[in-house]
Protein backbone atom coordinates (compact mmCIF):
# COMPACT_ATOMS: atom_id res chain seq x y z
CA MET A 1 16.53 33.18 28.62
CA THR A 2 17.76 31.50 31.82
CA ILE A 3 21.32 32.67 31.07
CA TYR A 4 20.10 36.21 30.53
CA ARG A 5 18.11 36.32 33.78
CA THR A 6 21.06 34.97 35.75
CA SER A 7 23.36 37.56 34.18
CA LEU A 8 20.87 40.34 34.92
CA ASN A 9 20.77 39.36 38.59
CA ILE A 10 24.57 39.54 38.63
CA VAL A 11 24.37 43.05 37.15
CA ARG A 12 21.94 44.16 39.82
CA LEU A 13 24.24 42.85 42.54
CA CYS A 14 27.14 44.74 40.97
CA VAL A 15 25.13 47.98 40.94
CA LEU A 16 24.15 47.43 44.57
CA TRP A 17 27.81 46.85 45.45
CA VAL A 18 28.78 50.14 43.76
CA GLY A 19 26.17 51.96 45.79
CA VAL A 20 27.25 50.37 49.06
CA SER A 21 30.89 51.16 48.33
CA LEU A 22 30.13 54.81 47.65
CA PHE A 23 27.98 55.07 50.75
CA ALA A 24 30.81 53.62 52.82
CA THR A 25 33.14 56.36 51.58
CA GLY A 26 30.70 59.03 52.70
CA ALA A 27 29.29 60.02 49.30
CA ASP A 28 25.94 61.79 49.42
CA ALA A 29 22.77 60.26 48.00
CA ALA A 30 22.78 62.43 44.89
CA THR A 31 26.30 61.34 43.97
CA ILE A 32 25.46 57.69 44.53
CA GLN A 33 22.31 57.97 42.42
CA SER A 34 24.20 59.74 39.64
CA LEU A 35 27.03 57.24 39.47
CA THR A 36 24.91 54.10 39.72
CA SER A 37 22.55 55.37 37.05
CA ARG A 38 25.53 55.70 34.72
CA VAL A 39 27.10 52.34 35.69
CA ALA A 40 23.97 50.19 35.51
CA PRO A 41 23.20 50.61 31.78
CA THR A 42 26.82 49.87 30.90
CA LEU A 43 26.85 46.73 32.99
CA GLU A 44 23.50 45.57 31.64
CA ALA A 45 24.61 46.22 28.07
CA GLY A 46 27.74 44.16 28.69
CA THR A 47 25.67 41.35 30.15
CA LYS A 48 23.33 41.37 27.18
CA THR A 49 26.32 41.26 24.86
CA SER A 50 27.74 38.28 26.79
CA ALA A 51 24.43 36.44 26.65
CA SER A 52 24.16 37.20 22.94
CA ALA A 53 27.69 35.86 22.33
CA LYS A 54 26.84 32.65 24.17
CA ALA A 55 23.68 32.27 22.12
CA ARG A 56 25.64 32.78 18.89
CA ALA A 57 28.25 30.22 19.99
CA ARG A 58 25.53 27.71 20.80
CA ALA A 59 23.89 28.30 17.41
CA ALA A 60 27.27 27.81 15.71
CA ARG A 61 27.75 24.48 17.51
CA ILE A 62 24.30 23.35 16.43
CA ARG A 63 25.02 24.30 12.79
CA ALA A 64 28.35 22.45 12.92
CA ALA A 65 26.70 19.34 14.36
CA ARG A 66 24.04 19.42 11.65
CA ALA A 67 26.70 19.83 8.98
CA ARG A 68 28.62 16.82 10.34
CA ALA A 69 25.45 14.76 10.44
CA SER A 70 24.71 15.73 6.86
CA ARG A 71 28.22 14.81 5.70
CA ASN A 72 28.05 11.50 7.54
CA SER A 73 24.67 10.75 5.99
CA ARG A 74 26.01 11.43 2.49
CA ALA A 75 29.13 9.35 3.17
CA LEU A 76 27.01 6.44 4.38
CA ALA A 77 24.73 6.63 1.35
CA GLU A 78 27.79 6.62 -0.90
CA ALA A 79 29.38 3.69 0.96
CA LYS A 80 26.19 1.65 0.63
CA THR A 81 26.22 2.08 -3.16
CA PRO A 82 28.49 -0.43 -4.93
CA ARG A 83 30.65 0.81 -7.80
CA PHE A 84 31.77 -1.20 -10.82
CA ARG A 85 34.21 -0.84 -13.69
CA THR A 86 35.14 -2.83 -16.77
CA ASP A 87 38.55 -4.50 -16.59
CA ASP A 88 40.99 -5.08 -19.46
CA ALA A 89 39.28 -8.38 -20.32
CA GLY A 90 35.89 -6.72 -20.60
CA ASN A 91 34.56 -8.11 -17.31
CA VAL A 92 32.46 -5.95 -15.00
CA VAL A 93 34.27 -5.99 -11.65
CA PRO A 94 34.00 -4.04 -8.39
CA ASP A 95 35.49 -0.57 -8.30
CA VAL A 96 36.42 -0.23 -4.64
CA ARG A 97 36.89 3.12 -2.95
CA ALA A 98 39.52 1.64 -0.62
CA ALA A 99 43.23 1.76 -1.44
CA ALA A 100 43.51 -2.01 -1.84
CA ALA A 101 41.25 -5.06 -1.75
CA ILE A 102 41.21 -8.76 -2.55
CA ILE A 103 39.01 -11.84 -2.68
CA TYR A 104 41.14 -14.93 -2.09
CA ASP A 105 40.25 -18.61 -2.19
CA PRO A 106 42.36 -20.38 0.46
CA ALA A 107 41.39 -23.82 -0.83
CA THR A 108 42.97 -23.23 -4.24
CA GLY A 109 45.28 -20.27 -3.61
CA LYS A 110 43.52 -18.40 -6.40
CA VAL A 111 42.81 -14.68 -6.31
CA LEU A 112 39.29 -14.08 -7.60
CA TYR A 113 39.43 -10.30 -7.47
CA GLU A 114 42.12 -7.81 -6.55
CA GLU A 115 42.86 -4.12 -6.55
CA ASN A 116 46.43 -3.14 -5.62
CA ALA A 117 46.61 -6.41 -3.70
CA MET A 118 50.41 -6.57 -3.67
CA ASP A 119 50.97 -2.97 -2.54
CA GLU A 120 52.67 -2.67 0.85
CA ARG A 121 50.62 -0.57 3.26
CA SER A 122 50.24 0.07 6.97
CA ILE A 123 47.86 -2.51 8.42
CA ALA A 124 47.23 -1.10 11.92
CA SER A 125 45.58 -3.58 14.30
CA ILE A 126 45.36 -6.44 11.82
CA THR A 127 48.86 -6.85 13.26
CA LYS A 128 47.24 -8.48 16.30
CA VAL A 129 46.42 -11.62 14.30
CA MET A 130 50.14 -12.40 14.10
CA THR A 131 50.54 -11.43 17.77
CA ALA A 132 48.04 -14.14 18.71
CA ILE A 133 49.68 -16.73 16.44
CA VAL A 134 53.18 -16.14 17.82
CA PHE A 135 52.07 -15.99 21.45
CA LEU A 136 50.22 -19.29 21.20
CA GLU A 137 53.29 -21.03 19.78
CA THR A 138 54.81 -21.08 23.27
CA ALA A 139 51.78 -20.59 25.56
CA THR A 140 51.21 -23.51 27.91
CA ASP A 141 48.78 -22.14 30.50
CA LEU A 142 45.96 -19.86 29.36
CA ASN A 143 44.78 -19.56 32.97
CA GLN A 144 48.06 -17.93 33.98
CA GLU A 145 47.48 -14.61 35.75
CA VAL A 146 49.24 -11.55 34.40
CA GLN A 147 49.68 -8.22 36.19
CA ILE A 148 49.29 -5.22 33.91
CA VAL A 149 52.09 -2.66 34.23
CA ARG A 150 52.28 1.01 33.34
CA ALA A 151 54.24 0.30 30.17
CA ASP A 152 51.30 -1.77 28.88
CA THR A 153 48.70 0.97 29.28
CA LEU A 154 50.82 4.08 28.60
CA ARG A 155 49.43 5.88 25.53
CA ALA A 156 47.71 2.64 24.54
CA SER A 157 44.86 4.48 22.80
CA THR A 158 42.33 1.63 22.92
CA THR A 159 42.40 -0.43 26.11
CA TYR A 160 40.02 -1.78 28.73
CA LEU A 161 42.86 -2.52 31.14
CA ARG A 162 44.23 -0.50 34.04
CA THR A 163 47.69 -0.53 35.54
CA ASN A 164 47.91 -3.19 38.29
CA ASP A 165 44.94 -5.17 36.96
CA ARG A 166 45.46 -8.92 37.18
CA VAL A 167 44.05 -10.74 34.15
CA ARG A 168 44.15 -14.31 32.87
CA VAL A 169 46.05 -14.93 29.63
CA ALA A 170 42.85 -16.27 28.03
CA ASP A 171 41.14 -12.95 28.76
CA LEU A 172 44.08 -11.04 27.27
CA LEU A 173 43.70 -13.02 24.05
CA HIS A 174 40.00 -12.15 23.92
CA LEU A 175 40.81 -8.48 24.53
CA LEU A 176 43.44 -8.65 21.79
CA LEU A 177 41.14 -9.96 19.07
CA ILE A 178 37.62 -8.79 19.98
CA PRO A 179 37.87 -5.08 20.91
CA SER A 180 41.47 -4.74 19.63
CA ASP A 181 43.02 -3.84 22.98
CA ASN A 182 46.53 -2.43 22.58
CA ALA A 183 47.60 -2.91 26.20
CA ALA A 184 46.68 -6.60 25.91
CA ALA A 185 48.97 -6.91 22.88
CA ARG A 186 51.86 -5.34 24.79
CA ALA A 187 51.28 -7.52 27.84
CA LEU A 188 51.26 -10.73 25.79
CA ALA A 189 54.52 -9.81 24.07
CA ARG A 190 56.06 -8.78 27.41
CA ILE A 191 55.31 -12.05 29.21
CA SER A 192 56.35 -14.26 26.28
CA PRO A 193 59.36 -16.51 26.96
CA LEU A 194 60.93 -14.80 23.96
CA GLY A 195 60.95 -11.40 25.66
CA TYR A 196 59.48 -8.32 23.99
CA ASP A 197 62.20 -7.84 21.36
CA GLY A 198 62.43 -11.57 20.71
CA PHE A 199 58.67 -11.66 20.28
CA ILE A 200 58.79 -9.01 17.52
CA ALA A 201 61.62 -10.88 15.83
CA ARG A 202 59.54 -14.07 15.90
CA MET A 203 56.56 -12.23 14.37
CA ASN A 204 58.75 -11.36 11.40
CA GLN A 205 60.22 -14.84 11.20
CA LYS A 206 56.73 -16.35 11.25
CA ALA A 207 55.68 -14.06 8.42
CA ASP A 208 58.65 -15.33 6.43
CA ASP A 209 57.81 -18.94 7.33
CA LEU A 210 54.28 -18.44 5.98
CA GLY A 211 55.56 -16.86 2.77
CA LEU A 212 54.20 -13.40 3.60
CA HIS A 213 56.90 -11.59 1.71
CA HIS A 214 55.31 -8.15 1.86
CA THR A 215 54.85 -8.19 5.65
CA ALA A 216 56.95 -6.66 8.44
CA TYR A 217 56.27 -5.85 12.09
CA ILE A 218 57.87 -3.52 14.63
CA ASP A 219 55.34 -3.77 17.47
CA PRO A 220 52.64 -6.24 18.57
CA SER A 221 49.67 -3.86 18.58
CA GLY A 222 49.70 -2.11 15.21
CA LEU A 223 49.90 1.40 16.65
CA TYR A 224 52.99 2.07 14.52
CA ALA A 225 52.64 2.85 10.82
CA ASP A 226 55.75 0.77 10.05
CA ASN A 227 53.76 -2.43 10.58
CA ILE A 228 53.14 -3.15 6.91
CA SER A 229 51.70 -5.84 4.68
CA SER A 230 49.61 -6.29 1.55
CA ALA A 231 46.01 -7.30 0.98
CA TYR A 232 47.30 -10.56 -0.52
CA ASP A 233 49.43 -11.41 2.52
CA MET A 234 46.65 -10.52 4.95
CA ALA A 235 44.17 -12.71 3.06
CA ARG A 236 46.50 -15.66 3.49
CA LEU A 237 47.19 -14.82 7.15
CA ILE A 238 43.52 -14.48 8.14
CA SER A 239 42.81 -17.78 6.40
CA PHE A 240 45.60 -19.45 8.36
CA ALA A 241 44.61 -17.95 11.73
CA SER A 242 40.91 -18.68 11.35
CA GLU A 243 41.68 -22.41 11.12
CA ASP A 244 43.44 -22.35 14.50
CA ASP A 245 40.97 -23.72 17.05
CA ARG A 246 42.29 -21.33 19.71
CA ILE A 247 42.14 -18.18 17.57
CA GLY A 248 39.21 -18.72 15.21
CA PRO A 249 36.56 -19.09 17.95
CA ILE A 250 37.71 -15.84 19.58
CA MET A 251 37.48 -13.95 16.28
CA ARG A 252 33.94 -15.32 15.89
CA THR A 253 32.84 -13.98 19.30
CA PRO A 254 30.67 -10.82 19.05
CA GLU A 255 30.69 -9.99 22.78
CA TYR A 256 32.74 -11.15 25.76
CA SER A 257 32.71 -10.53 29.51
CA PHE A 258 35.23 -11.46 32.19
CA ARG A 259 36.22 -10.45 35.70
CA THR A 260 39.69 -9.22 36.57
CA VAL A 261 41.39 -11.22 39.29
CA PRO A 262 40.68 -9.80 42.78
CA ALA A 263 43.68 -8.62 44.80
CA ALA A 264 44.12 -7.60 48.43
CA SER A 265 44.04 -3.91 47.53
CA ARG A 266 41.23 -4.02 44.99
CA PRO A 267 38.23 -6.18 44.12
CA GLY A 268 37.88 -7.72 40.71
CA ARG A 269 35.80 -5.79 38.20
CA ILE A 270 33.65 -7.00 35.34
CA VAL A 271 34.79 -6.00 31.86
CA THR A 272 32.47 -6.40 28.86
CA VAL A 273 33.70 -5.85 25.31
CA ARG A 274 32.16 -6.02 21.84
CA SER A 275 33.77 -6.98 18.56
CA THR A 276 34.96 -4.16 16.34
CA ASN A 277 33.81 -6.25 13.35
CA GLN A 278 30.35 -4.96 12.49
CA ILE A 279 29.72 -7.73 9.97
CA LEU A 280 30.21 -10.29 12.72
CA ARG A 281 27.92 -8.42 15.09
CA SER A 282 25.17 -8.06 12.49
CA GLY A 283 25.08 -11.81 11.81
CA GLU A 284 24.30 -11.20 8.13
CA ILE A 285 27.27 -13.24 6.85
CA ASP A 286 28.87 -16.34 8.33
CA VAL A 287 32.19 -14.99 9.64
CA LEU A 288 34.87 -17.61 10.28
CA GLY A 289 37.47 -15.07 11.36
CA GLY A 290 38.27 -11.41 11.07
CA LYS A 291 40.22 -8.46 12.39
CA THR A 292 39.81 -4.71 11.99
CA GLY A 293 42.51 -2.07 12.03
CA PHE A 294 42.78 1.69 12.02
CA ILE A 295 45.40 4.37 12.38
CA SER A 296 45.50 7.52 10.29
CA LYS A 297 48.36 6.26 8.08
CA ALA A 298 46.60 2.94 7.38
CA GLY A 299 43.04 4.15 6.99
CA TYR A 300 40.22 1.78 7.90
CA CYS A 301 41.13 -1.87 7.34
CA LEU A 302 39.36 -5.21 7.59
CA ALA A 303 40.57 -8.77 6.98
CA THR A 304 37.92 -11.50 7.12
CA LEU A 305 37.36 -15.13 6.24
CA LEU A 306 33.72 -15.52 5.17
CA LYS A 307 31.67 -18.61 4.45
CA MET A 308 29.41 -18.68 1.40
CA PRO A 309 25.96 -20.33 1.43
CA SER A 310 27.52 -23.05 -0.76
CA GLY A 311 29.91 -23.91 2.07
CA SER A 312 33.04 -22.52 0.39
CA SER A 313 35.15 -20.01 2.32
CA PHE A 314 36.82 -16.91 0.91
CA ALA A 315 39.11 -14.34 2.46
CA VAL A 316 38.09 -10.74 1.79
CA VAL A 317 40.51 -7.97 2.72
CA VAL A 318 39.94 -4.23 2.43
CA LEU A 319 42.83 -1.87 3.25
CA GLY A 320 42.80 1.92 3.37
CA ALA A 321 39.05 2.55 3.32
CA THR A 322 38.12 6.16 4.01
CA SER A 323 35.63 5.52 6.81
CA ASN A 324 34.78 3.01 9.50
CA LEU A 325 31.52 2.00 7.83
CA GLY A 326 33.14 2.09 4.40
CA ARG A 327 35.36 -0.95 5.07
CA PHE A 328 32.33 -3.05 6.05
CA TRP A 329 30.27 -1.96 3.06
CA GLU A 330 33.17 -2.61 0.68
CA THR A 331 33.37 -6.15 2.10
CA ARG A 332 29.61 -6.64 1.67
CA HIS A 333 29.77 -5.41 -1.92
CA LEU A 334 32.66 -7.76 -2.73
CA MET A 335 30.79 -10.70 -1.22
CA SER A 336 27.61 -9.82 -3.15
CA TRP A 337 29.56 -9.62 -6.39
CA LEU A 338 31.29 -12.92 -5.60
CA THR A 339 27.93 -14.60 -4.93
CA GLU A 340 26.59 -13.43 -8.28
CA HIS A 341 29.69 -14.58 -10.19
CA THR A 342 30.59 -17.80 -8.37
CA ALA A 343 30.01 -19.97 -11.44
CA THR A 344 32.35 -18.06 -13.75
CA ILE A 345 34.72 -15.92 -11.72
CA GLY A 346 37.29 -18.65 -11.09
CA LEU A 347 37.75 -19.08 -14.83
CA ALA A 348 37.89 -15.39 -15.63
CA THR A 349 40.49 -14.16 -13.14
CA PRO A 350 44.05 -15.48 -12.91
CA ALA A 351 45.84 -15.86 -9.59
CA VAL A 352 48.06 -13.01 -8.46
CA SER A 353 51.78 -13.77 -8.62
CA THR A 354 53.35 -14.65 -5.30
CA ALA A 355 56.79 -13.42 -6.39
CA LYS A 356 58.59 -11.39 -3.78
């Protein structure tokens, strides 16, 4: 109604302008009255049509929003519902919706459940786990100040950093692993004594050293689809990284705040970030380490090391889930199934071959 009234006032001003213009040219009153009486209905009709079109567009947006909400609600309800199948041995096992998944026991090296666990897939920001490992091999001063450059932030997608920010290395590591900051990953590789290209080469060499034969990296952030691995390799990597007393505590941090270093031209600013790992933030499961990842080619990914009530720890990896919430629910379902079958599962499922 407000739109219509505003439009009507505009029409009236237009009609008045027509009359004034005609009067200025010397037209008589009868001519002015005749012309304005013909113009006004046309203008008002056009205004009503415009208001009607805006109303229809608004209604269409509302319908689209309701449809999205309905689809999201159905997707969430589906994700919350665990699925099962019967394997070749007659055991009832999880039937994950994700492209690949695994439950891995790092203490024994045994795979307790797997679905396409050896398939090579894009892993997105799970890449950053290796970035942290390689950077810390040569890092000597975590209080070192780093100036962020344009190349760090350019098309970084997810970042809390700005060009010319000065940030401590320790804060970059927290940005890397908590909110999955891509500019932080680039900055860490850039300042490494190895140089950027040498850093990527070392990431691949480290993967080989750890026996991750299905893993390859081309950048430190995971923005490129050619960063690939398997659920099996990522289960072993997250288990390894979570035991590092410089990496594990960061991956177990749900929220983190820091201040950028003040400079002459700009004051420091406070940056607060939250973990992308919803299972960690919820506190429902004891998370010893974890990293999310997403790009369109990879789908929604999650690698975690989780502690059971019994005290045993298991790596759970989900790759290629179809939704953000789906990867967390798949992980919950796998943990629930594991809890119910702890007594027998180790005897029923053989370890996956580690052959290259």
